[in-house]
Protein backbone atom coordinates (compact mmCIF):
# COMPACT_ATOMS: atom_id res chain seq x y z
CA MET A 1 135.89 212.48 69.86
CA ASN A 2 132.29 213.75 70.15
CA THR A 3 129.23 211.69 69.25
CA LYS A 4 128.30 213.66 66.13
CA ILE A 5 131.72 213.13 64.54
CA PHE A 6 131.52 209.44 65.33
CA PHE A 7 128.16 209.21 63.53
CA MET A 8 129.62 210.96 60.51
CA LEU A 9 132.43 208.43 60.39
CA LEU A 10 129.89 205.62 60.63
CA PHE A 11 127.65 206.73 57.80
CA PHE A 12 129.40 209.27 55.61
CA PHE A 13 131.51 206.76 53.73
CA PRO A 14 129.99 205.18 50.60
CA PHE A 15 130.09 201.66 51.98
CA SER A 16 127.92 199.88 54.54
CA PHE A 17 130.30 197.25 55.87
CA ILE A 18 131.74 198.43 59.17
CA HIS A 19 132.91 196.46 62.19
CA LEU A 20 133.12 198.04 65.62
CA GLN A 21 134.81 195.21 67.47
CA ALA A 22 138.47 195.82 66.69
CA ALA A 23 141.36 195.47 69.12
CA GLU A 24 141.37 197.65 72.22
CA GLY A 25 142.92 201.02 71.53
CA SER A 26 141.82 201.28 67.91
CA GLY A 27 140.17 204.60 67.10
CA PRO A 28 137.11 205.10 64.90
CA ILE A 29 139.24 205.87 61.79
CA GLU A 30 141.16 202.63 62.20
CA LEU A 31 137.94 200.72 62.83
CA LEU A 32 136.40 202.05 59.62
CA HIS A 33 139.57 201.35 57.66
CA ASP A 34 139.81 197.76 58.91
CA ALA A 35 136.15 197.12 58.21
CA PHE A 36 136.44 198.53 54.68
CA VAL A 37 139.47 196.40 53.88
CA LEU A 38 138.00 193.22 55.38
CA GLY A 39 134.50 193.79 54.03
CA GLU A 40 132.89 192.83 57.32
CA PRO A 41 129.25 193.64 58.09
CA LEU A 42 128.39 196.33 60.60
CA VAL A 43 128.53 194.78 64.07
CA ILE A 44 128.14 196.63 67.37
CA GLN A 45 128.65 194.98 70.73
CA GLY A 46 128.53 191.63 68.95
CA GLU A 47 125.16 192.51 67.38
CA PRO A 48 124.80 192.55 63.57
CA ILE A 49 123.11 195.70 62.31
CA ILE A 50 120.31 194.82 59.88
CA ALA A 51 118.73 198.05 58.61
CA THR A 52 121.99 199.58 57.36
CA GLY A 53 120.50 201.38 54.36
CA ILE A 54 117.69 203.06 56.29
CA LEU A 55 120.05 203.84 59.18
CA SER A 56 122.39 205.66 56.84
CA LEU A 57 119.54 207.76 55.41
CA PHE A 58 118.17 208.40 58.89
CA TYR A 59 121.40 209.77 60.37
CA GLN A 60 122.22 211.77 57.26
CA SER A 61 118.77 213.36 57.57
CA ARG A 62 119.65 214.33 61.16
CA ASN A 63 123.00 215.78 60.14
CA PHE A 64 124.51 212.92 62.17
CA GLU A 65 123.02 214.16 65.42
CA PRO A 66 122.03 211.34 67.82
CA ALA A 67 118.38 210.32 68.03
CA TRP A 68 118.40 209.14 71.64
CA SER A 69 120.35 211.77 73.57
CA ASP A 70 117.63 211.76 76.25
CA LEU A 71 118.78 208.62 78.04
CA ASP A 72 115.64 208.35 80.16
CA TYR A 73 113.55 208.25 77.00
CA ALA A 74 116.03 205.79 75.46
CA LYS A 75 115.54 203.51 78.47
CA SER A 76 111.77 203.57 77.98
CA ILE A 77 112.14 202.56 74.34
CA VAL A 78 114.58 199.78 75.24
CA ALA A 79 111.93 198.56 77.69
CA LEU A 80 109.43 198.69 74.82
CA LEU A 81 111.71 196.42 72.78
CA GLY A 82 111.94 194.15 75.80
CA SER A 83 108.16 193.84 75.86
CA SER A 84 108.14 192.43 72.31
CA ASP A 85 107.87 188.97 73.86
CA GLN A 86 104.25 189.84 74.66
CA GLU A 87 103.66 190.10 70.89
CA GLY A 88 105.10 186.64 70.27
CA LEU A 89 108.48 188.01 69.18
CA TYR A 90 111.95 187.77 70.72
CA PRO A 91 113.62 190.81 72.38
CA LYS A 92 117.06 189.46 71.43
CA ASP A 93 116.21 190.22 67.78
CA TYR A 94 116.05 193.91 68.68
CA HIS A 95 119.39 194.10 70.54
CA TYR A 96 117.64 194.23 73.92
CA ILE A 97 120.43 192.60 75.96
CA ALA A 98 123.21 194.66 74.35
CA LEU A 99 121.22 197.87 74.78
CA THR A 100 120.50 197.13 78.44
CA GLY A 101 124.22 196.61 79.02
CA LEU A 102 125.18 199.79 77.20
CA LEU A 103 122.67 201.88 79.16
CA LYS A 104 124.20 200.62 82.40
CA GLN A 105 127.68 201.51 81.19
CA LEU A 106 126.53 204.98 80.18
CA GLN A 107 125.54 205.77 83.74
CA VAL A 108 129.22 206.46 84.39
CA LYS A 109 131.19 208.73 82.07
CA GLY A 110 134.51 207.36 80.91
CA PRO A 111 137.01 207.68 78.05
CA GLN A 112 134.73 205.66 75.74
CA HIS A 113 131.54 207.54 76.64
CA ALA A 114 131.02 209.21 73.24
CA ARG A 115 131.63 205.97 71.44
CA LYS A 116 129.23 204.04 73.63
CA LEU A 117 126.58 206.72 73.18
CA ALA A 118 126.94 206.30 69.42
CA GLU A 119 126.79 202.53 69.66
CA MET A 120 123.68 202.69 71.81
CA ASP A 121 122.06 205.15 69.41
CA VAL A 122 122.62 203.00 66.35
CA LEU A 123 121.62 199.78 68.08
CA LEU A 124 118.42 201.32 69.41
CA THR A 125 117.45 202.80 66.07
CA ASP A 126 118.09 199.47 64.35
CA GLY A 127 116.04 197.66 67.01
CA VAL A 128 113.14 200.09 66.62
CA LEU A 129 113.13 199.69 62.83
CA LEU A 130 113.22 195.89 63.05
CA TYR A 131 110.48 195.69 65.65
CA ALA A 132 108.25 198.01 63.63
CA ALA A 133 108.82 195.96 60.47
CA HIS A 134 107.95 192.73 62.28
CA LEU A 135 104.78 194.17 63.79
CA VAL A 136 103.62 195.29 60.34
CA ASN A 137 104.54 192.27 58.19
CA GLY A 138 105.61 189.56 60.62
CA LYS A 139 109.13 188.32 61.25
CA ILE A 140 108.86 185.25 59.03
CA SER A 141 108.60 185.62 55.27
CA PRO A 142 105.59 183.41 54.39
CA ALA A 143 106.59 183.12 50.73
CA ARG A 144 109.58 181.02 51.84
CA PHE A 145 107.24 178.40 53.29
CA GLU A 146 104.07 178.66 51.21
CA LYS A 147 104.67 178.25 47.47
CA THR A 148 101.15 179.45 46.62
CA TRP A 149 101.43 182.62 48.74
CA ASN A 150 100.09 185.73 46.96
CA TYR A 151 99.14 188.07 49.80
CA ASN A 152 100.49 191.63 49.72
CA ARG A 153 103.10 192.92 52.13
CA VAL A 154 103.10 196.49 53.38
CA GLU A 155 105.84 198.20 51.39
CA LEU A 156 107.15 201.66 52.32
CA LEU A 157 109.81 203.82 50.73
CA ASP A 158 112.95 204.22 52.83
CA GLU A 159 112.46 207.99 52.69
CA ASP A 160 108.97 207.67 54.16
CA ILE A 161 110.25 205.43 56.95
CA VAL A 162 112.96 207.96 57.78
CA LEU A 163 110.44 210.81 57.84
CA ALA A 164 108.07 208.90 60.15
CA LEU A 165 110.88 207.79 62.45
CA ASN A 166 112.25 211.32 62.77
CA THR A 167 108.79 212.61 63.59
CA HIS A 168 108.18 210.04 66.32
CA VAL A 169 111.68 210.35 67.77
CA ASP A 170 111.50 214.14 67.96
CA ASN A 171 107.96 214.12 69.38
CA LYS A 172 108.68 211.17 71.67
CA THR A 173 105.68 209.27 70.32
CA ILE A 174 107.40 205.96 69.54
CA THR A 175 105.33 204.01 72.08
CA SER A 176 101.96 205.18 70.79
CA ALA A 177 103.12 204.61 67.21
CA PHE A 178 103.98 201.01 68.04
CA GLU A 179 100.57 200.45 69.59
CA ARG A 180 99.00 201.45 66.28
CA LEU A 181 101.21 198.98 64.40
CA LYS A 182 99.90 195.99 66.34
CA PRO A 183 97.03 194.07 64.68
CA ASN A 184 93.76 195.51 65.93
CA LEU A 185 91.81 192.25 65.91
CA PRO A 186 90.00 190.49 68.77
CA VAL A 187 91.65 187.18 67.87
CA TYR A 188 95.11 188.77 68.08
CA ARG A 189 94.33 190.09 71.55
CA GLN A 190 93.10 186.62 72.52
CA LEU A 191 96.38 185.17 71.30
CA ARG A 192 98.31 187.68 73.41
CA GLN A 193 96.38 186.55 76.48
CA GLY A 194 96.93 182.91 75.57
CA LEU A 195 100.66 183.50 75.14
CA SER A 196 100.84 185.11 78.58
CA PHE A 197 98.98 182.13 80.07
CA PHE A 198 101.23 179.46 78.56
CA SER A 199 104.41 181.47 79.14
CA ASP A 200 103.51 181.70 82.83
CA LEU A 201 102.79 177.96 82.94
CA THR A 202 106.15 177.26 81.30
CA ALA A 203 107.96 179.38 83.90
CA LYS A 204 106.05 178.28 87.01
CA GLU A 205 104.69 174.79 86.42
CA GLU A 206 106.88 171.73 85.95
CA PHE A 207 105.68 169.77 82.93
CA VAL A 208 105.43 166.03 83.50
CA GLU A 209 104.20 163.75 80.74
CA ILE A 210 101.17 161.65 81.62
CA LEU A 211 102.17 158.07 80.91
CA ALA A 212 99.20 155.89 80.11
CA ASP A 213 98.61 152.81 78.01
CA THR A 214 94.89 152.59 78.62
CA VAL A 215 91.68 154.30 77.55
CA LEU A 216 89.98 156.17 80.38
CA LYS A 217 86.24 156.79 80.57
CA ILE A 218 83.50 157.43 83.08
CA GLY A 219 83.23 154.89 85.90
CA MET A 220 86.87 153.74 85.72
CA GLU A 221 89.32 154.08 88.58
CA ASP A 222 93.03 154.50 87.90
CA THR A 223 95.96 156.37 89.40
CA VAL A 224 96.35 158.14 86.04
CA VAL A 225 92.96 159.82 86.63
CA ALA A 226 94.53 162.01 89.33
CA GLN A 227 97.23 163.13 86.86
CA LEU A 228 94.55 163.79 84.28
CA ARG A 229 92.59 165.94 86.74
CA LYS A 230 95.67 167.97 87.61
CA ARG A 231 96.60 168.57 83.97
CA LEU A 232 93.09 169.70 83.08
CA GLN A 233 92.98 171.95 86.15
CA VAL A 234 96.27 173.60 85.18
CA LEU A 235 95.04 174.13 81.62
CA GLY A 236 91.94 175.93 82.85
CA PHE A 237 89.39 173.09 82.84
CA PRO A 238 88.25 172.56 86.47
CA ALA A 239 88.06 168.83 87.14
CA GLY A 240 87.25 168.51 90.85
CA ASN A 241 89.59 167.11 93.51
CA ILE A 242 92.92 166.51 91.75
CA HIS A 243 93.72 163.61 94.09
CA THR A 244 90.59 161.63 93.22
CA THR A 245 91.29 158.55 91.07
CA LEU A 246 87.68 157.86 90.03
CA PHE A 247 86.61 159.03 86.57
CA ASP A 248 83.28 160.68 87.44
CA ASP A 249 80.67 162.87 85.70
CA GLN A 250 82.49 166.10 86.51
CA LEU A 251 85.72 164.82 84.99
CA GLU A 252 83.91 163.63 81.87
CA LYS A 253 82.46 167.11 81.32
CA SER A 254 85.90 168.66 81.84
CA VAL A 255 87.43 166.26 79.30
CA GLN A 256 84.69 167.10 76.80
CA ARG A 257 85.37 170.83 77.18
CA PHE A 258 89.09 170.22 76.65
CA GLN A 259 88.45 168.07 73.59
CA GLN A 260 86.14 170.65 72.07
CA ARG A 261 88.68 173.45 72.57
CA TYR A 262 91.54 171.35 71.19
CA GLY A 263 89.88 170.20 67.98
CA LEU A 264 89.09 166.64 69.09
CA GLU A 265 85.97 164.48 69.13
CA ALA A 266 84.20 165.65 72.31
CA ASP A 267 83.19 162.16 73.51
CA GLY A 268 84.58 162.46 77.05
CA ILE A 269 86.77 159.38 76.50
CA VAL A 270 90.51 159.80 77.03
CA GLY A 271 92.32 157.69 74.45
CA GLN A 272 95.70 158.09 72.79
CA THR A 273 94.69 161.10 70.69
CA THR A 274 93.48 163.02 73.74
CA PHE A 275 96.55 161.99 75.75
CA ASN A 276 98.74 163.24 72.89
CA GLU A 277 97.17 166.71 73.13
CA LEU A 278 97.36 166.73 76.93
CA ASN A 279 101.05 165.84 76.69
CA VAL A 280 102.02 168.75 74.45
CA PRO A 281 104.48 170.78 76.59
CA PHE A 282 103.32 174.20 77.75
CA SER A 283 106.36 175.74 76.03
CA HIS A 284 105.27 174.26 72.69
CA ARG A 285 101.77 175.69 73.12
CA ALA A 286 103.40 179.10 73.66
CA ASP A 287 105.46 178.55 70.49
CA GLN A 288 102.31 177.65 68.54
CA ILE A 289 100.67 180.86 69.66
CA ARG A 290 103.75 182.88 68.65
CA VAL A 291 103.65 181.38 65.16
CA ASN A 292 99.94 182.10 64.78
CA MET A 293 100.42 185.70 65.93
CA ASP A 294 102.96 186.03 63.12
CA ARG A 295 100.51 184.41 60.70
CA ILE A 296 97.99 187.11 61.59
CA ARG A 297 100.61 189.82 60.97
CA TRP A 298 101.23 188.34 57.51
CA VAL A 299 97.69 189.13 56.39
CA VAL A 300 96.09 191.69 58.71
CA ASN A 301 96.91 194.65 56.47
CA ASP A 302 95.61 192.84 53.38
CA ILE A 303 92.19 191.80 54.68
CA SER A 304 89.33 193.69 53.05
CA PRO A 305 86.44 195.23 55.05
CA GLU A 306 84.15 192.66 53.41
CA PHE A 307 85.69 189.20 53.33
CA ILE A 308 85.39 185.45 53.31
CA LEU A 309 88.11 183.90 55.44
CA VAL A 310 88.73 180.16 55.66
CA ASN A 311 90.98 178.56 58.23
CA ILE A 312 92.10 175.37 56.49
CA ALA A 313 93.48 173.73 59.65
CA GLY A 314 90.50 174.75 61.78
CA TYR A 315 87.79 173.72 59.26
CA ARG A 316 86.01 177.04 59.70
CA LEU A 317 84.72 179.78 57.41
CA TRP A 318 83.92 183.34 58.47
CA LEU A 319 81.95 185.90 56.48
CA GLY A 320 82.72 189.52 57.35
CA LYS A 321 81.31 192.96 56.67
CA ASN A 322 82.68 196.32 57.80
CA ASN A 323 85.64 194.52 59.39
CA GLU A 324 83.33 192.45 61.63
CA VAL A 325 82.47 188.75 61.42
CA THR A 326 78.76 188.44 60.65
CA TRP A 327 78.40 184.68 60.09
CA SER A 328 80.45 181.50 60.21
CA THR A 329 80.09 177.83 59.38
CA ASP A 330 82.05 174.59 59.39
CA VAL A 331 83.94 173.41 56.31
CA MET A 332 85.91 170.42 55.08
CA THR A 333 89.35 170.90 53.53
CA GLY A 334 91.94 168.89 51.63
CA THR A 335 93.52 165.68 52.82
CA ILE A 336 97.22 165.49 53.68
CA SER A 337 97.92 164.19 50.16
CA ASN A 338 95.63 166.81 48.55
CA GLN A 339 96.33 169.88 50.64
CA THR A 340 94.21 172.98 50.22
CA PRO A 341 96.60 175.78 49.16
CA ILE A 342 96.97 179.11 50.92
CA PHE A 343 96.16 182.09 48.71
CA LYS A 344 93.72 184.96 48.21
CA SER A 345 91.32 185.68 45.37
CA THR A 346 87.97 187.37 44.70
CA MET A 347 84.64 185.55 44.49
CA THR A 348 82.74 186.81 41.45
CA TYR A 349 79.89 184.37 40.92
CA LEU A 350 78.14 181.27 42.20
CA VAL A 351 76.44 178.40 40.41
CA LEU A 352 73.21 176.72 41.48
CA ASN A 353 72.79 173.11 40.34
CA PRO A 354 76.37 172.89 39.03
CA THR A 355 77.83 170.16 36.88
CA TRP A 356 81.11 168.62 37.97
CA THR A 357 83.91 167.83 35.56
CA ALA A 358 86.14 165.29 37.27
CA PRO A 359 89.89 166.14 37.19
CA ARG A 360 92.14 163.56 35.55
CA SER A 361 93.61 162.61 38.91
CA ILE A 362 90.16 161.73 40.26
CA ILE A 363 89.21 159.88 37.06
CA ARG A 364 92.24 157.66 37.66
CA GLU A 365 91.01 156.98 41.20
CA MET A 366 87.48 156.18 40.00
CA PHE A 367 88.51 154.14 36.95
CA PRO A 368 88.59 150.68 38.61
CA ARG A 369 85.06 151.25 39.91
CA PHE A 370 83.35 152.26 36.67
CA SER A 371 85.48 150.20 34.28
CA GLN A 372 84.32 147.02 36.03
CA ASN A 373 80.73 148.23 36.24
CA PRO A 374 79.94 150.88 33.58
CA SER A 375 76.38 151.21 34.88
CA TYR A 376 77.90 153.00 37.88
CA LEU A 377 78.27 156.06 35.63
CA THR A 378 74.64 156.11 34.61
CA ARG A 379 73.35 155.48 38.14
CA ASN A 380 75.38 158.41 39.46
CA ASN A 381 74.40 160.77 36.66
CA TYR A 382 77.77 160.88 34.88
CA GLN A 383 78.25 161.51 31.19
CA LEU A 384 81.27 160.52 29.12
CA ILE A 385 82.31 163.19 26.63
CA GLY A 386 84.60 162.38 23.73
CA ALA A 387 87.31 164.57 22.23
CA ASP A 388 84.80 165.80 19.64
CA GLY A 389 82.47 167.03 22.41
CA ARG A 390 79.88 164.32 21.82
CA ARG A 391 78.35 162.18 24.52
CA VAL A 392 79.48 158.53 24.56
CA ASP A 393 77.43 155.60 25.88
CA PRO A 394 79.61 153.82 28.48
CA GLU A 395 77.94 150.47 27.67
CA SER A 396 79.20 150.74 24.08
CA LEU A 397 82.90 150.82 25.03
CA ASN A 398 85.33 147.92 25.04
CA TRP A 399 86.62 148.48 28.57
CA ASP A 400 89.30 145.79 28.23
CA THR A 401 91.21 148.11 25.88
CA LEU A 402 91.11 151.11 28.24
CA THR A 403 93.43 151.93 31.16
CA GLN A 404 93.55 154.54 33.89
CA ARG A 405 96.24 156.51 32.09
CA SER A 406 94.98 156.15 28.54
CA PHE A 407 91.32 156.86 29.28
CA PRO A 408 90.46 159.42 26.56
CA TYR A 409 87.11 160.72 27.81
CA THR A 410 86.00 163.64 29.93
CA LEU A 411 83.79 162.66 32.87
CA VAL A 412 80.99 165.11 33.70
CA GLN A 413 78.48 164.65 36.51
CA MET A 414 75.17 166.36 35.81
CA PRO A 415 73.27 168.46 38.38
CA GLY A 416 71.45 166.60 41.12
CA GLU A 417 71.38 165.82 44.81
CA ASN A 418 74.25 163.32 44.47
CA ASN A 419 76.48 165.66 42.47
CA ALA A 420 79.96 165.84 44.05
CA LEU A 421 79.57 169.62 44.36
CA GLY A 422 76.08 169.38 45.85
CA ARG A 423 73.58 172.07 44.91
CA VAL A 424 75.85 175.12 44.74
CA LYS A 425 79.45 176.10 44.12
CA PHE A 426 81.12 179.45 44.82
CA MET A 427 83.71 180.60 42.30
CA PHE A 428 86.78 182.74 42.83
CA PRO A 429 89.09 182.42 39.81
CA ASN A 430 92.53 181.01 40.66
CA GLN A 431 95.24 178.87 39.10
CA HIS A 432 94.75 176.07 41.63
CA ALA A 433 91.20 175.07 40.53
CA ILE A 434 90.02 175.56 44.12
CA TYR A 435 86.52 176.68 45.00
CA LEU A 436 83.90 176.43 47.76
CA HIS A 437 80.94 174.11 47.31
CA ASP A 438 78.14 172.07 48.82
CA THR A 439 78.58 168.32 49.32
CA PRO A 440 76.32 165.25 49.34
CA HIS A 441 78.45 163.83 52.19
CA LYS A 442 77.00 166.01 54.95
CA SER A 443 77.34 163.31 57.60
CA LEU A 444 81.09 163.96 57.69
CA PHE A 445 80.48 167.36 59.29
CA VAL A 446 79.95 165.64 62.66
CA LYS A 447 83.67 164.82 62.67
CA ALA A 448 86.01 167.16 64.57
CA GLN A 449 88.79 166.70 62.01
CA ARG A 450 87.49 167.15 58.47
CA ALA A 451 90.39 166.92 56.00
CA PHE A 452 88.42 164.85 53.48
CA SER A 453 88.45 166.69 50.15
CA HIS A 454 90.76 166.68 47.14
CA GLY A 455 91.64 170.30 47.93
CA CYS A 456 88.41 172.22 47.43
CA ILE A 457 86.43 173.47 50.41
CA ARG A 458 83.08 171.91 51.29
CA VAL A 459 80.64 174.19 53.11
CA LYS A 460 78.27 172.88 55.77
CA ASP A 461 75.44 175.38 55.18
CA PRO A 462 75.92 176.42 51.54
CA LEU A 463 72.40 177.68 50.82
CA LYS A 464 72.49 180.03 53.81
CA PHE A 465 75.92 181.16 52.59
CA ALA A 466 74.46 181.82 49.11
CA GLU A 467 71.57 183.75 50.66
CA LEU A 468 73.97 186.02 52.57
CA LEU A 469 76.17 186.63 49.54
CA LEU A 470 73.15 187.54 47.40
CA LYS A 471 71.48 189.69 50.06
CA GLY A 472 70.25 192.93 48.49
CA GLN A 473 70.73 191.62 44.97
CA ASP A 474 67.60 192.07 42.85
CA GLY A 475 65.58 188.92 42.36
CA TRP A 476 67.43 186.79 44.88
CA ASN A 477 66.43 185.71 48.36
CA ARG A 478 66.16 182.37 50.13
CA ARG A 479 62.82 181.61 48.48
CA THR A 480 64.10 182.17 44.91
CA ILE A 481 67.34 180.31 45.69
CA ASP A 482 65.41 177.29 46.93
CA ALA A 483 63.04 177.42 43.95
CA THR A 484 65.95 177.47 41.51
CA VAL A 485 67.68 174.60 43.30
CA ASN A 486 64.45 172.55 43.21
CA SER A 487 64.10 173.20 39.48
CA GLY A 488 67.38 171.38 38.85
CA LYS A 489 68.36 173.98 36.27
CA LEU A 490 72.03 175.00 36.11
CA THR A 491 72.07 178.73 36.94
CA ASN A 492 75.06 181.11 37.05
CA ILE A 493 74.66 184.17 39.29
CA SER A 494 77.19 186.99 39.12
CA LEU A 495 77.75 188.73 42.42
CA LYS A 496 76.76 192.38 42.29
CA ARG A 497 79.45 192.98 44.90
CA PRO A 498 82.40 190.62 44.40
CA ILE A 499 83.98 189.67 47.71
CA ASP A 500 87.58 188.84 48.57
CA VAL A 501 88.40 185.30 49.68
CA PHE A 502 91.32 184.58 52.01
CA LEU A 503 92.47 181.02 52.58
CA MET A 504 94.70 180.76 55.64
CA TYR A 505 96.22 178.10 57.88
CA TRP A 506 96.01 178.76 61.64
CA THR A 507 96.48 176.14 64.35
CA VAL A 508 95.07 178.39 67.07
CA GLN A 509 91.63 179.93 66.60
CA PRO A 510 88.54 180.97 68.57
CA ASP A 511 85.92 178.27 69.04
CA THR A 512 82.23 178.81 68.27
CA GLU A 513 81.82 180.66 71.59
CA GLY A 514 84.79 182.94 70.99
CA ARG A 515 87.18 181.15 73.36
CA LEU A 516 90.73 180.51 72.23
CA GLY A 517 91.44 176.93 71.26
CA PHE A 518 93.98 174.81 69.41
CA VAL A 519 93.44 172.63 66.35
CA PRO A 520 95.68 169.80 65.12
CA ASP A 521 98.44 170.83 62.73
CA ILE A 522 97.06 168.59 59.98
CA TYR A 523 99.66 169.52 57.37
CA GLY A 524 102.59 169.60 59.83
CA ARG A 525 103.60 173.21 59.19
CA ASP A 526 104.10 174.61 62.68
CA LEU A 527 107.50 173.14 63.52
CA ALA A 528 109.33 174.75 60.59
CA LEU A 529 107.79 178.13 61.42
CA ILE A 530 108.60 177.81 65.12
CA ALA A 531 112.24 177.20 64.18
CA ALA A 532 112.24 180.13 61.75
CA LEU A 533 110.76 182.47 64.35
CA LYS A 534 113.53 181.56 66.79
CA ARG A 535 116.37 181.99 64.30
CA PRO A 536 118.42 185.21 64.47
CA ILE A 537 117.70 187.80 61.80
CA THR A 538 120.17 187.86 58.92
CA GLN A 539 118.26 189.46 56.07
CA SER A 540 118.47 193.24 55.76
CA LEU A 541 115.37 195.43 55.62
């Protein structure tokens, strides 16, 4: 039976559940009949076919002619699928092993040659479609893991996919097309390099945990110091003679560089937290990078040319224009119990000298403090507002009759240097009541890990941020911003050019000098995504 007839049998019937692993000697008609009766999914060489609907349209559009009759070109595309590991994906998801085996078998013609050609063709087309889809939108579906997710996926009509695939197959431009699908971002290319580095370490360097029950610092001598030197050297932080057991100046500087790149306090002292990061296996670092490459694919096609991007886990904000980062600053984000959600919105205005209306959850936290000492409210510039909208004197209340849950008043903090929102807040309407703002607690910015808020995002240099957002807007510059702040007057300023805000969660990011570094997974989200990335694909395109 020739290859074209076999394709027609595969796709001409009005059902998509076909199994090609029947008993030896069964012909294509029997295979189709058995699959139809049993209702089995389409499986070739033990590989489930995922893109059945698009495959059917694709081969019908080709009048059931094969797409990969040039076996040399087919081999090059199979090699392309094999290189998907460089993009943080897994070649097995794209039938790489089965295709490699089939191509070897096809070197010798036999009684099953036409059938094997058809199997190879379908497997390769399915692999190409899957790989393309994963490069565009990521393998993992973020909405399954992030309940607040509202980013847009790239959605294409099946007919458009078929047209594009036919064009690239016929013109033999699949490779260049795939290059264009990869995220064109410097950070993505850094992640690729980092993945290569840690993959090589995993393959070539035996990982041995450093066992230590002591704190190491400059001037100390310990056999563990030699292990520490070797680990730092392997990770790319030169630490002198790896056999030396004295903790010297050079080693301290190397430890500080490691700590800075791995989101730790850069004090040069090696305690349990630093040992924990040093003892993360190289293979897990590679897995972290893979997950963060997928996180970039989730959003890269949704990022606007002008943007505000916040990495919640990395405590960093970037301001961008014309697809380039123009400014960045440190931020604080939500605690583990008050996690900052992941979502996108559009900033439309900012407020100088804002008031702060305390949420009910925070009022309950504060209640013991001000119920025992009502003057606390006055000293900190709070007003109590009754249900009728009138101000209530806290000294006039019988506090013994009030409880945290029954407290009937709204708590509003007036503008001032001690206001919880500081001197400015940046508003992007959303259902989560999340916004960016200044803070009176600026001393906390010296901390490496800054998950201190109730969910909102505190900005280290908010007035500079306001100046950049208002640049070119009539009447506003740093001088007028400062004058308005000093006046104490609450002032709303609509942005002439609203700007999109993207809140993300990445555990690998560039440091302030553009070098790739890791940050602690404060909300514990990596492990579930690592497992999902490794799981075989079951959902159809």
